[in-house]
Amino acid sequence: MQCPICRGKQTGKVGSDQYYCWSCYVEFSASGESEVYEISEDGNLMALNTTGDDLS
């Protein structure tokens, strides 16, 4: 699985259709529209804006 942010391949599966990128430290969904989350210090997921050119 390729990361939608950095395009890296150092990713791991953390749940059903959920992946984690070890290069840029984000969690993302692979189903339907890409949803990207930053993981806060307390472990909560914070959604990042993932529309259009924001991923490049």
PDB file of N, CA and C in Angstrom:
ATOM      1  N   MET A   1       0.854  -1.176   0.000  1.00  0.00           N
ATOM      2  CA  MET A   1       0.000   0.000   0.000  1.00  0.00           C
ATOM      3  C   MET A   1       0.895   1.231   0.000  1.00  0.00           C
ATOM      4  N   GLN A   2       0.572   2.201  -0.835  1.00  0.00           N
ATOM      5  CA  GLN A   2       1.350   3.429  -0.954  1.00  0.00           C
ATOM      6  C   GLN A   2       0.676   4.555  -0.170  1.00  0.00           C
ATOM      7  N   CYS A   3       1.476   5.331   0.547  1.00  0.00           N
ATOM      8  CA  CYS A   3       0.965   6.454   1.335  1.00  0.00           C
ATOM      9  C   CYS A   3       0.478   7.571   0.407  1.00  0.00           C
ATOM     10  N   PRO A   4      -0.727   8.109   0.645  1.00  0.00           N
ATOM     11  CA  PRO A   4      -1.231   9.191  -0.207  1.00  0.00           C
ATOM     12  C   PRO A   4      -0.537  10.534   0.023  1.00  0.00           C
ATOM     13  N   ILE A   5       0.233  10.669   1.098  1.00  0.00           N
ATOM     14  CA  ILE A   5       0.922  11.927   1.394  1.00  0.00           C
ATOM     15  C   ILE A   5       2.328  11.942   0.794  1.00  0.00           C
ATOM     16  N   CYS A   6       3.168  10.988   1.199  1.00  0.00           N
ATOM     17  CA  CYS A   6       4.569  10.990   0.763  1.00  0.00           C
ATOM     18  C   CYS A   6       4.847  10.017  -0.378  1.00  0.00           C
ATOM     19  N   ARG A   7       3.857   9.215  -0.741  1.00  0.00           N
ATOM     20  CA  ARG A   7       3.972   8.192  -1.789  1.00  0.00           C
ATOM     21  C   ARG A   7       4.951   7.085  -1.418  1.00  0.00           C
ATOM     22  N   GLY A   8       5.318   7.019  -0.141  1.00  0.00           N
ATOM     23  CA  GLY A   8       6.218   5.978   0.328  1.00  0.00           C
ATOM     24  C   GLY A   8       5.518   4.639   0.449  1.00  0.00           C
ATOM     25  N   LYS A   9       6.321   3.591   0.510  1.00  0.00           N
ATOM     26  CA  LYS A   9       5.772   2.241   0.612  1.00  0.00           C
ATOM     27  C   LYS A   9       6.029   1.607   1.970  1.00  0.00           C
ATOM     28  N   GLN A  10       6.542   2.386   2.932  1.00  0.00           N
ATOM     29  CA  GLN A  10       6.765   1.870   4.278  1.00  0.00           C
ATOM     30  C   GLN A  10       5.496   2.057   5.088  1.00  0.00           C
ATOM     31  N   THR A  11       4.505   1.238   4.772  1.00  0.00           N
ATOM     32  CA  THR A  11       3.211   1.323   5.438  1.00  0.00           C
ATOM     33  C   THR A  11       2.871  -0.017   6.062  1.00  0.00           C
ATOM     34  N   GLY A  12       2.003   0.022   7.034  1.00  0.00           N
ATOM     35  CA  GLY A  12       1.550  -1.198   7.685  1.00  0.00           C
ATOM     36  C   GLY A  12       0.065  -1.127   7.954  1.00  0.00           C
ATOM     37  N   LYS A  13      -0.574  -2.273   7.953  1.00  0.00           N
ATOM     38  CA  LYS A  13      -2.014  -2.335   8.188  1.00  0.00           C
ATOM     39  C   LYS A  13      -2.276  -2.295   9.687  1.00  0.00           C
ATOM     40  N   VAL A  14      -3.183  -1.406  10.114  1.00  0.00           N
ATOM     41  CA  VAL A  14      -3.506  -1.270  11.536  1.00  0.00           C
ATOM     42  C   VAL A  14      -4.963  -1.600  11.833  1.00  0.00           C
ATOM     43  N   GLY A  15      -5.750  -1.832  10.813  1.00  0.00           N
ATOM     44  CA  GLY A  15      -7.164  -2.169  10.994  1.00  0.00           C
ATOM     45  C   GLY A  15      -7.785  -2.494   9.658  1.00  0.00           C
ATOM     46  N   SER A  16      -9.077  -2.707   9.669  1.00  0.00           N
ATOM     47  CA  SER A  16      -9.791  -2.998   8.433  1.00  0.00           C
ATOM     48  C   SER A  16      -9.756  -1.772   7.523  1.00  0.00           C
ATOM     49  N   ASP A  17      -9.037  -1.865   6.418  1.00  0.00           N
ATOM     50  CA  ASP A  17      -8.852  -0.767   5.463  1.00  0.00           C
ATOM     51  C   ASP A  17      -8.180   0.456   6.074  1.00  0.00           C
ATOM     52  N   GLN A  18      -7.428   0.302   7.157  1.00  0.00           N
ATOM     53  CA  GLN A  18      -6.687   1.394   7.789  1.00  0.00           C
ATOM     54  C   GLN A  18      -5.199   1.045   7.746  1.00  0.00           C
ATOM     55  N   TYR A  19      -4.378   2.021   7.360  1.00  0.00           N
ATOM     56  CA  TYR A  19      -2.942   1.819   7.234  1.00  0.00           C
ATOM     57  C   TYR A  19      -2.199   2.946   7.928  1.00  0.00           C
ATOM     58  N   TYR A  20      -0.925   2.686   8.278  1.00  0.00           N
ATOM     59  CA  TYR A  20      -0.073   3.662   8.946  1.00  0.00           C
ATOM     60  C   TYR A  20       1.194   3.832   8.127  1.00  0.00           C
ATOM     61  N   CYS A  21       1.621   5.078   7.915  1.00  0.00           N
ATOM     62  CA  CYS A  21       2.855   5.354   7.187  1.00  0.00           C
ATOM     63  C   CYS A  21       3.976   5.631   8.184  1.00  0.00           C
ATOM     64  N   TRP A  22       5.033   4.840   8.106  1.00  0.00           N
ATOM     65  CA  TRP A  22       6.175   4.999   9.008  1.00  0.00           C
ATOM     66  C   TRP A  22       7.082   6.152   8.581  1.00  0.00           C
ATOM     67  N   SER A  23       6.910   6.666   7.377  1.00  0.00           N
ATOM     68  CA  SER A  23       7.742   7.772   6.905  1.00  0.00           C
ATOM     69  C   SER A  23       7.205   9.134   7.335  1.00  0.00           C
ATOM     70  N   CYS A  24       5.889   9.344   7.222  1.00  0.00           N
ATOM     71  CA  CYS A  24       5.332  10.658   7.581  1.00  0.00           C
ATOM     72  C   CYS A  24       4.373  10.589   8.764  1.00  0.00           C
ATOM     73  N   TYR A  25       4.264   9.417   9.395  1.00  0.00           N
ATOM     74  CA  TYR A  25       3.531   9.252  10.663  1.00  0.00           C
ATOM     75  C   TYR A  25       2.060   9.649  10.583  1.00  0.00           C
ATOM     76  N   VAL A  26       1.375   9.203   9.546  1.00  0.00           N
ATOM     77  CA  VAL A  26      -0.060   9.436   9.430  1.00  0.00           C
ATOM     78  C   VAL A  26      -0.765   8.102   9.256  1.00  0.00           C
ATOM     79  N   GLU A  27      -2.027   8.088   9.604  1.00  0.00           N
ATOM     80  CA  GLU A  27      -2.873   6.922   9.387  1.00  0.00           C
ATOM     81  C   GLU A  27      -3.838   7.286   8.271  1.00  0.00           C
ATOM     82  N   PHE A  28      -4.124   6.317   7.387  1.00  0.00           N
ATOM     83  CA  PHE A  28      -5.015   6.617   6.276  1.00  0.00           C
ATOM     84  C   PHE A  28      -5.895   5.433   5.943  1.00  0.00           C
ATOM     85  N   SER A  29      -6.992   5.745   5.269  1.00  0.00           N
ATOM     86  CA  SER A  29      -7.967   4.750   4.855  1.00  0.00           C
ATOM     87  C   SER A  29      -7.781   4.483   3.370  1.00  0.00           C
ATOM     88  N   ALA A  30      -7.947   3.237   2.956  1.00  0.00           N
ATOM     89  CA  ALA A  30      -7.748   2.883   1.557  1.00  0.00           C
ATOM     90  C   ALA A  30      -9.052   2.655   0.815  1.00  0.00           C
ATOM     91  N   SER A  31     -10.172   2.717   1.498  1.00  0.00           N
ATOM     92  CA  SER A  31     -11.447   2.446   0.832  1.00  0.00           C
ATOM     93  C   SER A  31     -12.137   3.740   0.431  1.00  0.00           C
ATOM     94  N   GLY A  32     -12.698   3.753  -0.771  1.00  0.00           N
ATOM     95  CA  GLY A  32     -13.425   4.939  -1.242  1.00  0.00           C
ATOM     96  C   GLY A  32     -12.529   6.155  -1.315  1.00  0.00           C
ATOM     97  N   GLU A  33     -13.019   7.288  -0.807  1.00  0.00           N
ATOM     98  CA  GLU A  33     -12.211   8.499  -0.771  1.00  0.00           C
ATOM     99  C   GLU A  33     -11.122   8.343   0.279  1.00  0.00           C
ATOM    100  N   SER A  34      -9.919   8.812  -0.047  1.00  0.00           N
ATOM    101  CA  SER A  34      -8.821   8.729   0.912  1.00  0.00           C
ATOM    102  C   SER A  34      -9.090   9.638   2.099  1.00  0.00           C
ATOM    103  N   GLU A  35      -9.002   9.080   3.271  1.00  0.00           N
ATOM    104  CA  GLU A  35      -9.102   9.848   4.501  1.00  0.00           C
ATOM    105  C   GLU A  35      -7.761   9.727   5.200  1.00  0.00           C
ATOM    106  N   VAL A  36      -7.174  10.867   5.567  1.00  0.00           N
ATOM    107  CA  VAL A  36      -5.857  10.877   6.191  1.00  0.00           C
ATOM    108  C   VAL A  36      -5.980  11.496   7.571  1.00  0.00           C
ATOM    109  N   TYR A  37      -5.336  10.862   8.551  1.00  0.00           N
ATOM    110  CA  TYR A  37      -5.408  11.307   9.940  1.00  0.00           C
ATOM    111  C   TYR A  37      -4.014  11.477  10.510  1.00  0.00           C
ATOM    112  N   GLU A  38      -3.836  12.540  11.268  1.00  0.00           N
ATOM    113  CA  GLU A  38      -2.623  12.727  12.051  1.00  0.00           C
ATOM    114  C   GLU A  38      -2.907  12.162  13.440  1.00  0.00           C
ATOM    115  N   ILE A  39      -1.938  11.500  14.017  1.00  0.00           N
ATOM    116  CA  ILE A  39      -2.122  10.911  15.339  1.00  0.00           C
ATOM    117  C   ILE A  39      -1.570  11.883  16.373  1.00  0.00           C
ATOM    118  N   SER A  40      -2.427  12.332  17.282  1.00  0.00           N
ATOM    119  CA  SER A  40      -2.016  13.295  18.306  1.00  0.00           C
ATOM    120  C   SER A  40      -1.232  12.588  19.414  1.00  0.00           C
ATOM    121  N   GLU A  41      -0.633  13.368  20.294  1.00  0.00           N
ATOM    122  CA  GLU A  41       0.189  12.811  21.372  1.00  0.00           C
ATOM    123  C   GLU A  41      -0.583  11.870  22.279  1.00  0.00           C
ATOM    124  N   ASP A  42      -1.889  12.124  22.445  1.00  0.00           N
ATOM    125  CA  ASP A  42      -2.691  11.261  23.313  1.00  0.00           C
ATOM    126  C   ASP A  42      -3.273  10.056  22.575  1.00  0.00           C
ATOM    127  N   GLY A  43      -2.938   9.898  21.292  1.00  0.00           N
ATOM    128  CA  GLY A  43      -3.375   8.738  20.521  1.00  0.00           C
ATOM    129  C   GLY A  43      -4.647   8.929  19.732  1.00  0.00           C
ATOM    130  N   ASN A  44      -5.276  10.087  19.855  1.00  0.00           N
ATOM    131  CA  ASN A  44      -6.488  10.361  19.084  1.00  0.00           C
ATOM    132  C   ASN A  44      -6.140  10.677  17.641  1.00  0.00           C
ATOM    133  N   LEU A  45      -7.072  10.401  16.734  1.00  0.00           N
ATOM    134  CA  LEU A  45      -6.879  10.707  15.325  1.00  0.00           C
ATOM    135  C   LEU A  45      -7.492  12.061  15.011  1.00  0.00           C
ATOM    136  N   MET A  46      -6.724  12.897  14.299  1.00  0.00           N
ATOM    137  CA  MET A  46      -7.209  14.210  13.874  1.00  0.00           C
ATOM    138  C   MET A  46      -7.225  14.215  12.349  1.00  0.00           C
ATOM    139  N   ALA A  47      -8.400  14.426  11.752  1.00  0.00           N
ATOM    140  CA  ALA A  47      -8.541  14.396  10.298  1.00  0.00           C
ATOM    141  C   ALA A  47      -7.772  15.545   9.659  1.00  0.00           C
ATOM    142  N   LEU A  48      -7.077  15.234   8.568  1.00  0.00           N
ATOM    143  CA  LEU A  48      -6.385  16.246   7.779  1.00  0.00           C
ATOM    144  C   LEU A  48      -7.213  16.524   6.540  1.00  0.00           C
ATOM    145  N   ASN A  49      -7.112  17.717   5.992  1.00  0.00           N
ATOM    146  CA  ASN A  49      -7.820  18.063   4.765  1.00  0.00           C
ATOM    147  C   ASN A  49      -7.196  17.279   3.621  1.00  0.00           C
ATOM    148  N   THR A  50      -7.990  16.474   2.922  1.00  0.00           N
ATOM    149  CA  THR A  50      -7.444  15.591   1.891  1.00  0.00           C
ATOM    150  C   THR A  50      -8.090  15.814   0.538  1.00  0.00           C
ATOM    151  N   THR A  51      -8.524  17.018   0.240  1.00  0.00           N
ATOM    152  CA  THR A  51      -9.191  17.256  -1.028  1.00  0.00           C
ATOM    153  C   THR A  51      -8.214  17.728  -2.080  1.00  0.00           C
ATOM    154  N   GLY A  52      -8.371  17.211  -3.274  1.00  0.00           N
ATOM    155  CA  GLY A  52      -7.637  17.677  -4.441  1.00  0.00           C
ATOM    156  C   GLY A  52      -6.137  17.679  -4.291  1.00  0.00           C
ATOM    157  N   ASP A  53      -5.530  18.842  -4.549  1.00  0.00           N
ATOM    158  CA  ASP A  53      -4.081  18.972  -4.579  1.00  0.00           C
ATOM    159  C   ASP A  53      -3.445  19.026  -3.202  1.00  0.00           C
ATOM    160  N   ASP A  54      -4.232  18.991  -2.130  1.00  0.00           N
ATOM    161  CA  ASP A  54      -3.671  19.061  -0.784  1.00  0.00           C
ATOM    162  C   ASP A  54      -2.802  17.856  -0.462  1.00  0.00           C
ATOM    163  N   LEU A  55      -2.953  16.766  -1.225  1.00  0.00           N
ATOM    164  CA  LEU A  55      -2.180  15.557  -0.952  1.00  0.00           C
ATOM    165  C   LEU A  55      -0.818  15.580  -1.611  1.00  0.00           C
ATOM    166  N   SER A  56      -0.559  16.501  -2.501  1.00  0.00           N
ATOM    167  CA  SER A  56       0.724  16.480  -3.193  1.00  0.00           C
ATOM    168  C   SER A  56       1.738  17.380  -2.544  1.00  0.00           C
TER     169      SER A  56
END
